[in-house]
Amino acid sequence: MKITLNRINDDFLFECTNSQGNSILLDNTTQPGAKGVSPMESVLMAVAGCSGIDVVSILKKQRQEIKSFQAEVEGERVQVDDAKPFKSMQVKFLLEGEIDPKKALKAAELSFEKYCSVSKTLEPNVEIGYEVWVNGEKI
């Protein structure tokens, strides 16, 4: 796996491109007019995307009818010398459709305990919690 980062303006805007040509923009979001996400926001996005792929994949294999899927991730950071790494993250899955709540909760559990490579990479240093909502009710 490999990505390429290219600076695309005179400040802090970068384009990150994978080997298939897909890209995202990273920027210094503390500056006015930022046109991309911050690198730390991209970490939260990676957790949401990785676990989201897991949850949807598991539920599709179980023939659950997902009409809507959303994830929200909040991260708490802590000062360590000159850096501010994540201390913890909380993931909230919001699903709508003909979905067995127990299966949705189990899918999230499997993602974080077994499958999600992003959260497993962060796990030694970042506490990651999650909750699952199905059709407006917390499971």
C-alpha atoms as a PDB file:
ATOM      1  CA  MET A   1       0.000   0.000   0.000  1.00  0.00           C
ATOM      2  CA  LYS A   2       1.306   3.399  -0.953  1.00  0.00           C
ATOM      3  CA  ILE A   3       0.041   6.984  -1.234  1.00  0.00           C
ATOM      4  CA  THR A   4       1.592  10.089  -2.742  1.00  0.00           C
ATOM      5  CA  LEU A   5       1.296  13.545  -1.193  1.00  0.00           C
ATOM      6  CA  ASN A   6       1.695  16.647  -3.371  1.00  0.00           C
ATOM      7  CA  ARG A   7       1.632  20.264  -2.240  1.00  0.00           C
ATOM      8  CA  ILE A   8      -0.823  22.108  -4.485  1.00  0.00           C
ATOM      9  CA  ASN A   9      -0.618  25.715  -3.305  1.00  0.00           C
ATOM     10  CA  ASP A  10       1.828  28.082  -1.631  1.00  0.00           C
ATOM     11  CA  ASP A  11       0.523  27.256   1.846  1.00  0.00           C
ATOM     12  CA  PHE A  12      -0.586  23.988   3.418  1.00  0.00           C
ATOM     13  CA  LEU A  13      -2.978  22.412   0.913  1.00  0.00           C
ATOM     14  CA  PHE A  14      -1.926  18.894  -0.072  1.00  0.00           C
ATOM     15  CA  GLU A  15      -3.480  16.285  -2.314  1.00  0.00           C
ATOM     16  CA  CYS A  16      -3.033  12.691  -1.187  1.00  0.00           C
ATOM     17  CA  THR A  17      -3.517  10.134  -3.945  1.00  0.00           C
ATOM     18  CA  ASN A  18      -3.619   6.355  -3.738  1.00  0.00           C
ATOM     19  CA  SER A  19      -2.320   3.898  -6.324  1.00  0.00           C
ATOM     20  CA  GLN A  20      -5.751   3.813  -8.025  1.00  0.00           C
ATOM     21  CA  GLY A  21      -5.757   7.596  -8.534  1.00  0.00           C
ATOM     22  CA  ASN A  22      -8.322   8.435  -5.865  1.00  0.00           C
ATOM     23  CA  SER A  23      -7.502  11.457  -3.731  1.00  0.00           C
ATOM     24  CA  ILE A  24      -8.401  13.602  -0.744  1.00  0.00           C
ATOM     25  CA  LEU A  25      -7.315  17.111   0.196  1.00  0.00           C
ATOM     26  CA  LEU A  26      -5.485  17.806   3.457  1.00  0.00           C
ATOM     27  CA  ASP A  27      -5.020  21.317   4.779  1.00  0.00           C
ATOM     28  CA  ASN A  28      -4.137  23.313   7.870  1.00  0.00           C
ATOM     29  CA  THR A  29      -7.672  23.934   9.128  1.00  0.00           C
ATOM     30  CA  THR A  30      -6.471  26.481  11.678  1.00  0.00           C
ATOM     31  CA  GLN A  31      -5.927  28.861   8.724  1.00  0.00           C
ATOM     32  CA  PRO A  32      -8.860  30.788   7.207  1.00  0.00           C
ATOM     33  CA  GLY A  33     -10.065  29.461   3.861  1.00  0.00           C
ATOM     34  CA  ALA A  34      -8.858  25.890   4.350  1.00  0.00           C
ATOM     35  CA  LYS A  35      -9.883  23.720   1.402  1.00  0.00           C
ATOM     36  CA  GLY A  36      -9.262  20.286   2.886  1.00  0.00           C
ATOM     37  CA  VAL A  37      -9.584  18.349   6.101  1.00  0.00           C
ATOM     38  CA  SER A  38      -6.919  18.365   8.774  1.00  0.00           C
ATOM     39  CA  PRO A  39      -4.693  15.297   9.102  1.00  0.00           C
ATOM     40  CA  MET A  40      -6.250  14.584  12.514  1.00  0.00           C
ATOM     41  CA  GLU A  41      -9.778  14.820  11.058  1.00  0.00           C
ATOM     42  CA  SER A  42      -8.664  12.332   8.415  1.00  0.00           C
ATOM     43  CA  VAL A  43      -7.782   9.881  11.199  1.00  0.00           C
ATOM     44  CA  LEU A  44     -11.346  10.157  12.540  1.00  0.00           C
ATOM     45  CA  MET A  45     -12.632   9.687   8.993  1.00  0.00           C
ATOM     46  CA  ALA A  46     -10.457   6.591   8.573  1.00  0.00           C
ATOM     47  CA  VAL A  47     -11.936   5.020  11.715  1.00  0.00           C
ATOM     48  CA  ALA A  48     -15.478   5.801  10.508  1.00  0.00           C
ATOM     49  CA  GLY A  49     -14.785   4.467   7.018  1.00  0.00           C
ATOM     50  CA  CYS A  50     -13.013   1.303   8.103  1.00  0.00           C
ATOM     51  CA  SER A  51     -15.583   0.316  10.707  1.00  0.00           C
ATOM     52  CA  GLY A  52     -18.415   1.430   8.429  1.00  0.00           C
ATOM     53  CA  ILE A  53     -17.230  -0.906   5.683  1.00  0.00           C
ATOM     54  CA  ASP A  54     -17.087  -3.731   8.237  1.00  0.00           C
ATOM     55  CA  VAL A  55     -20.559  -3.096   9.671  1.00  0.00           C
ATOM     56  CA  VAL A  56     -22.248  -2.736   6.278  1.00  0.00           C
ATOM     57  CA  SER A  57     -20.447  -5.820   4.922  1.00  0.00           C
ATOM     58  CA  ILE A  58     -21.459  -7.965   7.899  1.00  0.00           C
ATOM     59  CA  LEU A  59     -25.081  -6.802   7.799  1.00  0.00           C
ATOM     60  CA  LYS A  60     -25.354  -7.292   4.026  1.00  0.00           C
ATOM     61  CA  LYS A  61     -24.111 -10.885   4.421  1.00  0.00           C
ATOM     62  CA  GLN A  62     -26.907 -11.345   6.967  1.00  0.00           C
ATOM     63  CA  ARG A  63     -29.425  -9.961   4.448  1.00  0.00           C
ATOM     64  CA  GLN A  64     -30.280  -6.923   6.547  1.00  0.00           C
ATOM     65  CA  GLU A  65     -31.955  -4.079   4.599  1.00  0.00           C
ATOM     66  CA  ILE A  66     -29.915  -0.934   5.280  1.00  0.00           C
ATOM     67  CA  LYS A  67     -31.751   2.148   4.017  1.00  0.00           C
ATOM     68  CA  SER A  68     -29.440   4.659   5.696  1.00  0.00           C
ATOM     69  CA  PHE A  69     -26.049   4.389   7.373  1.00  0.00           C
ATOM     70  CA  GLN A  70     -24.217   7.190   9.119  1.00  0.00           C
ATOM     71  CA  ALA A  71     -21.296   7.280  11.523  1.00  0.00           C
ATOM     72  CA  GLU A  72     -20.174  10.127  13.759  1.00  0.00           C
ATOM     73  CA  VAL A  73     -16.750  10.032  15.383  1.00  0.00           C
ATOM     74  CA  GLU A  74     -15.565  12.384  18.107  1.00  0.00           C
ATOM     75  CA  GLY A  75     -11.985  12.386  19.265  1.00  0.00           C
ATOM     76  CA  GLU A  76     -10.487  13.679  22.492  1.00  0.00           C
ATOM     77  CA  ARG A  77      -6.909  14.863  22.267  1.00  0.00           C
ATOM     78  CA  VAL A  78      -4.298  15.365  24.975  1.00  0.00           C
ATOM     79  CA  GLN A  79      -1.142  17.473  25.045  1.00  0.00           C
ATOM     80  CA  VAL A  80       2.036  15.355  24.923  1.00  0.00           C
ATOM     81  CA  ASP A  81       5.108  17.558  24.654  1.00  0.00           C
ATOM     82  CA  ASP A  82       4.518  19.595  21.482  1.00  0.00           C
ATOM     83  CA  ALA A  83       1.953  17.220  19.954  1.00  0.00           C
ATOM     84  CA  LYS A  84      -1.748  16.587  20.647  1.00  0.00           C
ATOM     85  CA  PRO A  85      -2.447  12.912  19.877  1.00  0.00           C
ATOM     86  CA  PHE A  86      -5.827  11.319  20.348  1.00  0.00           C
ATOM     87  CA  LYS A  87      -6.492   9.950  23.817  1.00  0.00           C
ATOM     88  CA  SER A  88      -9.904   8.497  22.994  1.00  0.00           C
ATOM     89  CA  MET A  89     -12.568   8.281  20.315  1.00  0.00           C
ATOM     90  CA  GLN A  90     -16.280   7.629  20.438  1.00  0.00           C
ATOM     91  CA  VAL A  91     -18.016   6.207  17.363  1.00  0.00           C
ATOM     92  CA  LYS A  92     -21.771   6.471  16.940  1.00  0.00           C
ATOM     93  CA  PHE A  93     -23.447   4.377  14.232  1.00  0.00           C
ATOM     94  CA  LEU A  94     -26.887   5.497  13.055  1.00  0.00           C
ATOM     95  CA  LEU A  95     -28.692   2.898  10.951  1.00  0.00           C
ATOM     96  CA  GLU A  96     -32.158   2.915   9.424  1.00  0.00           C
ATOM     97  CA  GLY A  97     -33.997   0.069   7.762  1.00  0.00           C
ATOM     98  CA  GLU A  98     -35.137  -3.497   8.284  1.00  0.00           C
ATOM     99  CA  ILE A  99     -32.254  -4.317  10.620  1.00  0.00           C
ATOM    100  CA  ASP A 100     -32.174  -6.671  13.592  1.00  0.00           C
ATOM    101  CA  PRO A 101     -30.736  -4.493  16.395  1.00  0.00           C
ATOM    102  CA  LYS A 102     -28.807  -7.421  17.898  1.00  0.00           C
ATOM    103  CA  LYS A 103     -27.138  -8.100  14.557  1.00  0.00           C
ATOM    104  CA  ALA A 104     -26.192  -4.425  14.182  1.00  0.00           C
ATOM    105  CA  LEU A 105     -24.633  -4.346  17.647  1.00  0.00           C
ATOM    106  CA  LYS A 106     -22.754  -7.597  16.980  1.00  0.00           C
ATOM    107  CA  ALA A 107     -21.483  -6.225  13.645  1.00  0.00           C
ATOM    108  CA  ALA A 108     -20.043  -3.165  15.406  1.00  0.00           C
ATOM    109  CA  GLU A 109     -18.501  -5.363  18.090  1.00  0.00           C
ATOM    110  CA  LEU A 110     -16.853  -7.584  15.471  1.00  0.00           C
ATOM    111  CA  SER A 111     -15.530  -4.558  13.626  1.00  0.00           C
ATOM    112  CA  PHE A 112     -13.758  -3.083  16.621  1.00  0.00           C
ATOM    113  CA  GLU A 113     -12.661  -6.325  18.246  1.00  0.00           C
ATOM    114  CA  LYS A 114     -11.584  -8.219  15.127  1.00  0.00           C
ATOM    115  CA  TYR A 115     -11.693  -6.561  11.694  1.00  0.00           C
ATOM    116  CA  CYS A 116     -11.080  -2.797  11.631  1.00  0.00           C
ATOM    117  CA  SER A 117      -7.390  -2.369  10.839  1.00  0.00           C
ATOM    118  CA  VAL A 118      -7.495   1.377  11.504  1.00  0.00           C
ATOM    119  CA  SER A 119      -8.846   1.030  15.033  1.00  0.00           C
ATOM    120  CA  LYS A 120      -6.486  -1.895  15.664  1.00  0.00           C
ATOM    121  CA  THR A 121      -3.585   0.344  14.605  1.00  0.00           C
ATOM    122  CA  LEU A 122      -4.688   3.040  17.065  1.00  0.00           C
ATOM    123  CA  GLU A 123      -5.756   0.641  19.822  1.00  0.00           C
ATOM    124  CA  PRO A 124      -2.516   0.513  21.809  1.00  0.00           C
ATOM    125  CA  ASN A 125      -2.712   4.270  22.460  1.00  0.00           C
ATOM    126  CA  VAL A 126      -6.301   5.330  21.832  1.00  0.00           C
ATOM    127  CA  GLU A 127      -9.361   4.079  23.699  1.00  0.00           C
ATOM    128  CA  ILE A 128     -12.170   3.595  21.160  1.00  0.00           C
ATOM    129  CA  GLY A 129     -15.764   3.242  22.281  1.00  0.00           C
ATOM    130  CA  TYR A 130     -18.888   2.861  20.165  1.00  0.00           C
ATOM    131  CA  GLU A 131     -22.649   2.907  20.283  1.00  0.00           C
ATOM    132  CA  VAL A 132     -25.247   1.705  17.807  1.00  0.00           C
ATOM    133  CA  TRP A 133     -28.601   3.283  17.021  1.00  0.00           C
ATOM    134  CA  VAL A 134     -31.165   1.458  14.858  1.00  0.00           C
ATOM    135  CA  ASN A 135     -34.235   3.325  13.647  1.00  0.00           C
ATOM    136  CA  GLY A 136     -33.749   6.063  16.225  1.00  0.00           C
ATOM    137  CA  GLU A 137     -33.254   3.777  19.231  1.00  0.00           C
ATOM    138  CA  LYS A 138     -29.993   3.186  21.037  1.00  0.00           C
ATOM    139  CA  ILE A 139     -29.122  -0.503  21.249  1.00  0.00           C
END
